[in-house]
């Protein structure tokens, strides 16, 4: 949960570097919202497992939160990969919205 806060903060720094008129901004914003919601699912799942400073079985609700969080984590990772590998977001020396590696190989 703690490292998730660091990841969200790092992603936010990259998000504010993008021009708001860019089509990439919408994709990056969607990725950020999914990442934040994923973090909330895991934080809620963790809190369900605590009672009076003692751990206990999370129960069905906690397991459902974890399952939803995992699904959202997979989708968030997929979108994040597209932002990096297709659009060069966060890659030093690469222009945003530049050609993808696949397009470069085909030429």
N, C-alpha and C. Protein backbone atom coordinates (compact mmCIF):
# COMPACT_ATOMS: atom_id res chain seq x y z
N UNK A 1 0.84 -1.19 0.00
CA UNK A 1 0.00 0.00 0.00
C UNK A 1 0.88 1.25 0.00
N UNK A 2 1.97 1.23 0.77
CA UNK A 2 2.85 2.39 0.84
C UNK A 2 3.54 2.64 -0.50
N UNK A 3 4.01 1.60 -1.15
CA UNK A 3 4.67 1.78 -2.44
C UNK A 3 3.68 2.24 -3.51
N UNK A 4 2.42 1.90 -3.33
CA UNK A 4 1.39 2.37 -4.26
C UNK A 4 1.26 3.88 -4.23
N UNK A 5 1.41 4.47 -3.05
CA UNK A 5 1.35 5.93 -2.92
C UNK A 5 2.51 6.56 -3.70
N UNK A 6 3.68 5.97 -3.60
CA UNK A 6 4.84 6.47 -4.33
C UNK A 6 4.61 6.35 -5.84
N UNK A 7 4.05 5.24 -6.27
CA UNK A 7 3.78 5.04 -7.70
C UNK A 7 2.76 6.04 -8.22
N UNK A 8 1.73 6.30 -7.46
CA UNK A 8 0.71 7.27 -7.87
C UNK A 8 1.32 8.67 -7.94
N UNK A 9 2.17 9.02 -6.98
CA UNK A 9 2.82 10.33 -7.00
C UNK A 9 3.73 10.48 -8.22
N UNK A 10 4.48 9.45 -8.54
CA UNK A 10 5.36 9.48 -9.71
C UNK A 10 4.54 9.61 -10.99
N UNK A 11 3.45 8.88 -11.07
CA UNK A 11 2.58 8.96 -12.23
C UNK A 11 1.95 10.33 -12.37
N UNK A 12 1.61 10.96 -11.25
CA UNK A 12 1.02 12.29 -11.29
C UNK A 12 2.02 13.31 -11.84
N UNK A 13 3.28 13.16 -11.47
CA UNK A 13 4.32 14.05 -12.00
C UNK A 13 4.41 13.93 -13.52
N UNK A 14 4.34 12.71 -14.03
CA UNK A 14 4.36 12.50 -15.48
C UNK A 14 3.09 13.05 -16.13
N UNK A 15 1.96 12.92 -15.45
CA UNK A 15 0.68 13.38 -15.99
C UNK A 15 0.68 14.89 -16.19
N UNK A 16 1.23 15.64 -15.26
CA UNK A 16 1.19 17.09 -15.39
C UNK A 16 2.16 17.61 -16.45
N UNK A 17 3.05 16.76 -16.95
CA UNK A 17 3.96 17.15 -18.03
C UNK A 17 3.28 17.11 -19.39
N UNK A 18 2.15 16.43 -19.49
CA UNK A 18 1.45 16.24 -20.76
C UNK A 18 0.56 17.45 -21.04
N UNK A 19 0.58 17.92 -22.29
CA UNK A 19 -0.30 19.00 -22.71
C UNK A 19 -1.75 18.52 -22.60
N UNK A 20 -2.60 19.35 -21.98
CA UNK A 20 -3.99 18.96 -21.75
C UNK A 20 -4.78 18.79 -23.05
N UNK A 21 -4.31 19.39 -24.13
CA UNK A 21 -4.99 19.26 -25.42
C UNK A 21 -4.57 18.01 -26.18
N UNK A 22 -3.56 17.33 -25.68
CA UNK A 22 -3.04 16.14 -26.34
C UNK A 22 -3.99 14.96 -26.14
N UNK A 23 -4.17 14.12 -27.17
CA UNK A 23 -4.99 12.91 -26.99
C UNK A 23 -4.37 11.95 -25.97
N UNK A 24 -3.08 12.07 -25.76
CA UNK A 24 -2.41 11.22 -24.78
C UNK A 24 -2.84 11.57 -23.35
N UNK A 25 -3.24 12.81 -23.11
CA UNK A 25 -3.65 13.24 -21.78
C UNK A 25 -4.84 12.42 -21.29
N UNK A 26 -5.78 12.17 -22.16
CA UNK A 26 -6.98 11.39 -21.77
C UNK A 26 -6.60 9.97 -21.37
N UNK A 27 -5.72 9.35 -22.15
CA UNK A 27 -5.28 7.98 -21.82
C UNK A 27 -4.51 7.94 -20.50
N UNK A 28 -3.62 8.91 -20.33
CA UNK A 28 -2.83 8.95 -19.10
C UNK A 28 -3.72 9.23 -17.90
N UNK A 29 -4.71 10.07 -18.07
CA UNK A 29 -5.63 10.37 -16.98
C UNK A 29 -6.45 9.13 -16.61
N UNK A 30 -6.88 8.38 -17.62
CA UNK A 30 -7.62 7.13 -17.36
C UNK A 30 -6.74 6.14 -16.59
N UNK A 31 -5.48 6.04 -17.00
CA UNK A 31 -4.54 5.16 -16.30
C UNK A 31 -4.37 5.60 -14.85
N UNK A 32 -4.26 6.89 -14.62
CA UNK A 32 -4.08 7.42 -13.27
C UNK A 32 -5.31 7.13 -12.39
N UNK A 33 -6.49 7.32 -12.95
CA UNK A 33 -7.72 7.05 -12.19
C UNK A 33 -7.84 5.56 -11.84
N UNK A 34 -7.50 4.70 -12.79
CA UNK A 34 -7.54 3.26 -12.52
C UNK A 34 -6.52 2.87 -11.45
N UNK A 35 -5.33 3.46 -11.53
CA UNK A 35 -4.29 3.15 -10.54
C UNK A 35 -4.72 3.59 -9.15
N UNK A 36 -5.32 4.75 -9.06
CA UNK A 36 -5.77 5.26 -7.76
C UNK A 36 -6.91 4.40 -7.22
N UNK A 37 -7.83 4.02 -8.08
CA UNK A 37 -8.95 3.16 -7.65
C UNK A 37 -8.44 1.78 -7.22
N UNK A 38 -7.47 1.26 -7.94
CA UNK A 38 -6.85 -0.01 -7.58
C UNK A 38 -6.24 0.08 -6.19
N UNK A 39 -5.51 1.16 -5.94
CA UNK A 39 -4.91 1.37 -4.62
C UNK A 39 -5.99 1.41 -3.54
N UNK A 40 -7.09 2.08 -3.82
CA UNK A 40 -8.19 2.16 -2.85
C UNK A 40 -8.79 0.78 -2.55
N UNK A 41 -8.92 -0.06 -3.58
CA UNK A 41 -9.44 -1.42 -3.37
C UNK A 41 -8.53 -2.21 -2.44
N UNK A 42 -7.22 -2.14 -2.68
CA UNK A 42 -6.29 -2.87 -1.82
C UNK A 42 -6.23 -2.29 -0.41
N UNK A 43 -6.29 -0.97 -0.29
CA UNK A 43 -6.28 -0.35 1.04
C UNK A 43 -7.54 -0.75 1.82
N UNK A 44 -8.68 -0.76 1.14
CA UNK A 44 -9.93 -1.17 1.80
C UNK A 44 -9.87 -2.65 2.18
N UNK A 45 -9.32 -3.47 1.31
CA UNK A 45 -9.19 -4.90 1.61
C UNK A 45 -8.30 -5.12 2.83
N UNK A 46 -7.23 -4.34 2.90
CA UNK A 46 -6.34 -4.44 4.05
C UNK A 46 -7.03 -4.00 5.33
N UNK A 47 -7.80 -2.93 5.26
CA UNK A 47 -8.47 -2.43 6.46
C UNK A 47 -9.57 -3.37 6.94
N UNK A 48 -10.17 -4.11 6.01
CA UNK A 48 -11.21 -5.08 6.39
C UNK A 48 -10.59 -6.21 7.22
N UNK A 49 -9.32 -6.49 7.00
CA UNK A 49 -8.65 -7.58 7.71
C UNK A 49 -8.15 -7.21 9.10
N UNK A 50 -8.34 -5.97 9.51
CA UNK A 50 -7.92 -5.54 10.85
C UNK A 50 -9.12 -5.25 11.72
N UNK A 51 -9.03 -5.67 12.96
CA UNK A 51 -10.09 -5.40 13.92
C UNK A 51 -9.45 -5.25 15.28
N UNK A 52 -9.59 -4.08 15.88
CA UNK A 52 -9.03 -3.79 17.20
C UNK A 52 -7.53 -4.10 17.25
N UNK A 53 -6.79 -3.62 16.26
CA UNK A 53 -5.34 -3.78 16.17
C UNK A 53 -4.88 -5.23 16.06
N UNK A 54 -5.75 -6.10 15.61
CA UNK A 54 -5.38 -7.51 15.41
C UNK A 54 -5.84 -7.93 14.02
N UNK A 55 -5.07 -8.81 13.41
CA UNK A 55 -5.46 -9.29 12.09
C UNK A 55 -6.48 -10.41 12.24
N UNK A 56 -7.31 -10.51 11.23
CA UNK A 56 -8.31 -11.58 11.19
C UNK A 56 -8.56 -11.95 9.74
N UNK A 57 -9.30 -12.97 9.52
CA UNK A 57 -9.64 -13.38 8.16
C UNK A 57 -10.45 -12.28 7.48
N UNK A 58 -10.11 -11.95 6.24
CA UNK A 58 -10.80 -10.83 5.60
C UNK A 58 -12.26 -11.11 5.23
N UNK A 59 -12.63 -12.35 5.12
CA UNK A 59 -14.01 -12.68 4.77
C UNK A 59 -14.27 -12.48 3.29
N UNK A 60 -15.51 -12.68 2.90
CA UNK A 60 -15.90 -12.61 1.49
C UNK A 60 -15.71 -11.20 0.94
N UNK A 61 -16.09 -10.19 1.70
CA UNK A 61 -15.99 -8.82 1.23
C UNK A 61 -14.54 -8.43 0.95
N UNK A 62 -13.66 -8.79 1.87
CA UNK A 62 -12.24 -8.49 1.68
C UNK A 62 -11.65 -9.21 0.49
N UNK A 63 -12.06 -10.46 0.29
CA UNK A 63 -11.58 -11.23 -0.87
C UNK A 63 -12.11 -10.65 -2.18
N UNK A 64 -13.36 -10.19 -2.17
CA UNK A 64 -13.92 -9.55 -3.37
C UNK A 64 -13.17 -8.26 -3.69
N UNK A 65 -12.85 -7.47 -2.67
CA UNK A 65 -12.08 -6.25 -2.89
C UNK A 65 -10.71 -6.58 -3.49
N UNK A 66 -10.09 -7.63 -2.99
CA UNK A 66 -8.79 -8.04 -3.52
C UNK A 66 -8.90 -8.51 -4.96
N UNK A 67 -9.95 -9.26 -5.28
CA UNK A 67 -10.14 -9.76 -6.64
C UNK A 67 -10.39 -8.60 -7.61
N UNK A 68 -11.24 -7.67 -7.20
CA UNK A 68 -11.50 -6.49 -8.05
C UNK A 68 -10.22 -5.68 -8.21
N UNK A 69 -9.48 -5.52 -7.13
CA UNK A 69 -8.21 -4.80 -7.18
C UNK A 69 -7.22 -5.46 -8.12
N UNK A 70 -7.17 -6.79 -8.11
CA UNK A 70 -6.26 -7.50 -9.00
C UNK A 70 -6.63 -7.31 -10.46
N UNK A 71 -7.93 -7.41 -10.76
CA UNK A 71 -8.37 -7.18 -12.13
C UNK A 71 -8.05 -5.77 -12.61
N UNK A 72 -8.27 -4.80 -11.73
CA UNK A 72 -7.97 -3.42 -12.08
C UNK A 72 -6.47 -3.19 -12.20
N UNK A 73 -5.69 -3.90 -11.38
CA UNK A 73 -4.24 -3.80 -11.46
C UNK A 73 -3.74 -4.31 -12.82
N UNK A 74 -4.32 -5.39 -13.30
CA UNK A 74 -3.94 -5.92 -14.62
C UNK A 74 -4.26 -4.91 -15.72
N UNK A 75 -5.45 -4.34 -15.67
CA UNK A 75 -5.85 -3.35 -16.67
C UNK A 75 -4.97 -2.09 -16.58
N UNK A 76 -4.68 -1.65 -15.37
CA UNK A 76 -3.82 -0.49 -15.17
C UNK A 76 -2.42 -0.74 -15.73
N UNK A 77 -1.88 -1.91 -15.48
CA UNK A 77 -0.57 -2.27 -16.01
C UNK A 77 -0.56 -2.31 -17.52
N UNK A 78 -1.62 -2.83 -18.11
CA UNK A 78 -1.73 -2.88 -19.56
C UNK A 78 -1.73 -1.47 -20.15
N UNK A 79 -2.56 -0.59 -19.57
CA UNK A 79 -2.62 0.79 -20.06
C UNK A 79 -1.29 1.52 -19.83
N UNK A 80 -0.66 1.27 -18.70
CA UNK A 80 0.64 1.89 -18.42
C UNK A 80 1.70 1.43 -19.41
N UNK A 81 1.67 0.16 -19.77
CA UNK A 81 2.60 -0.36 -20.76
C UNK A 81 2.40 0.29 -22.12
N UNK A 82 1.15 0.50 -22.49
CA UNK A 82 0.86 1.18 -23.76
C UNK A 82 1.37 2.61 -23.73
N UNK A 83 1.22 3.28 -22.59
CA UNK A 83 1.70 4.67 -22.48
C UNK A 83 3.22 4.74 -22.66
N UNK A 84 3.92 3.78 -22.09
CA UNK A 84 5.38 3.79 -22.17
C UNK A 84 5.88 3.29 -23.52
N UNK A 85 5.43 2.11 -23.94
CA UNK A 85 6.00 1.49 -25.13
C UNK A 85 5.45 2.03 -26.45
N UNK A 86 4.22 2.49 -26.46
CA UNK A 86 3.66 3.02 -27.70
C UNK A 86 3.83 4.53 -27.82
N UNK A 87 3.78 5.23 -26.69
CA UNK A 87 3.79 6.69 -26.73
C UNK A 87 5.05 7.32 -26.13
N UNK A 88 5.87 6.53 -25.48
CA UNK A 88 7.12 7.05 -24.94
C UNK A 88 6.98 7.89 -23.69
N UNK A 89 5.87 7.81 -23.01
CA UNK A 89 5.66 8.59 -21.80
C UNK A 89 6.64 8.16 -20.72
N UNK A 90 7.40 9.10 -20.21
CA UNK A 90 8.36 8.80 -19.16
C UNK A 90 9.68 8.25 -19.66
N UNK A 91 9.85 8.16 -20.98
CA UNK A 91 11.09 7.64 -21.55
C UNK A 91 11.95 8.82 -21.97
N UNK A 92 13.12 8.91 -21.40
CA UNK A 92 14.01 10.02 -21.69
C UNK A 92 14.49 9.95 -23.14
N UNK A 93 14.47 11.09 -23.81
CA UNK A 93 14.95 11.15 -25.19
C UNK A 93 13.94 10.71 -26.22
N UNK A 94 12.72 10.45 -25.81
CA UNK A 94 11.68 10.03 -26.76
C UNK A 94 10.57 11.05 -26.77
N UNK A 95 10.16 11.48 -27.94
CA UNK A 95 9.10 12.47 -28.07
C UNK A 95 7.76 11.81 -27.81
N UNK A 96 6.91 12.50 -27.05
CA UNK A 96 5.57 11.97 -26.80
C UNK A 96 4.80 11.88 -28.11
N UNK A 97 3.96 10.88 -28.21
CA UNK A 97 3.15 10.58 -29.39
C UNK A 97 4.01 10.23 -30.60
N UNK A 98 5.27 9.87 -30.35
CA UNK A 98 6.14 9.44 -31.44
C UNK A 98 5.72 8.07 -31.92
N UNK A 99 6.35 7.60 -32.99
CA UNK A 99 5.98 6.29 -33.52
C UNK A 99 6.32 5.19 -32.53
N UNK A 100 5.50 4.17 -32.54
CA UNK A 100 5.75 3.04 -31.64
C UNK A 100 6.91 2.21 -32.17
N UNK A 101 7.41 1.35 -31.34
CA UNK A 101 8.51 0.48 -31.76
C UNK A 101 8.07 -0.46 -32.87
N UNK A 102 6.81 -0.88 -32.81
CA UNK A 102 6.30 -1.76 -33.86
C UNK A 102 6.30 -1.03 -35.20
N UNK A 103 5.86 0.22 -35.18
CA UNK A 103 5.82 0.99 -36.43
C UNK A 103 7.23 1.23 -36.93
N UNK A 104 8.20 1.41 -36.03
CA UNK A 104 9.58 1.64 -36.44
C UNK A 104 10.16 0.39 -37.10
N UNK A 105 9.80 -0.78 -36.60
CA UNK A 105 10.32 -2.02 -37.16
C UNK A 105 9.76 -2.28 -38.56
N UNK A 106 8.52 -1.89 -38.81
CA UNK A 106 7.88 -2.14 -40.09
C UNK A 106 8.47 -1.29 -41.19
N UNK A 107 9.05 -0.11 -40.85
CA UNK A 107 9.58 0.77 -41.89
C UNK A 107 10.90 0.33 -42.42
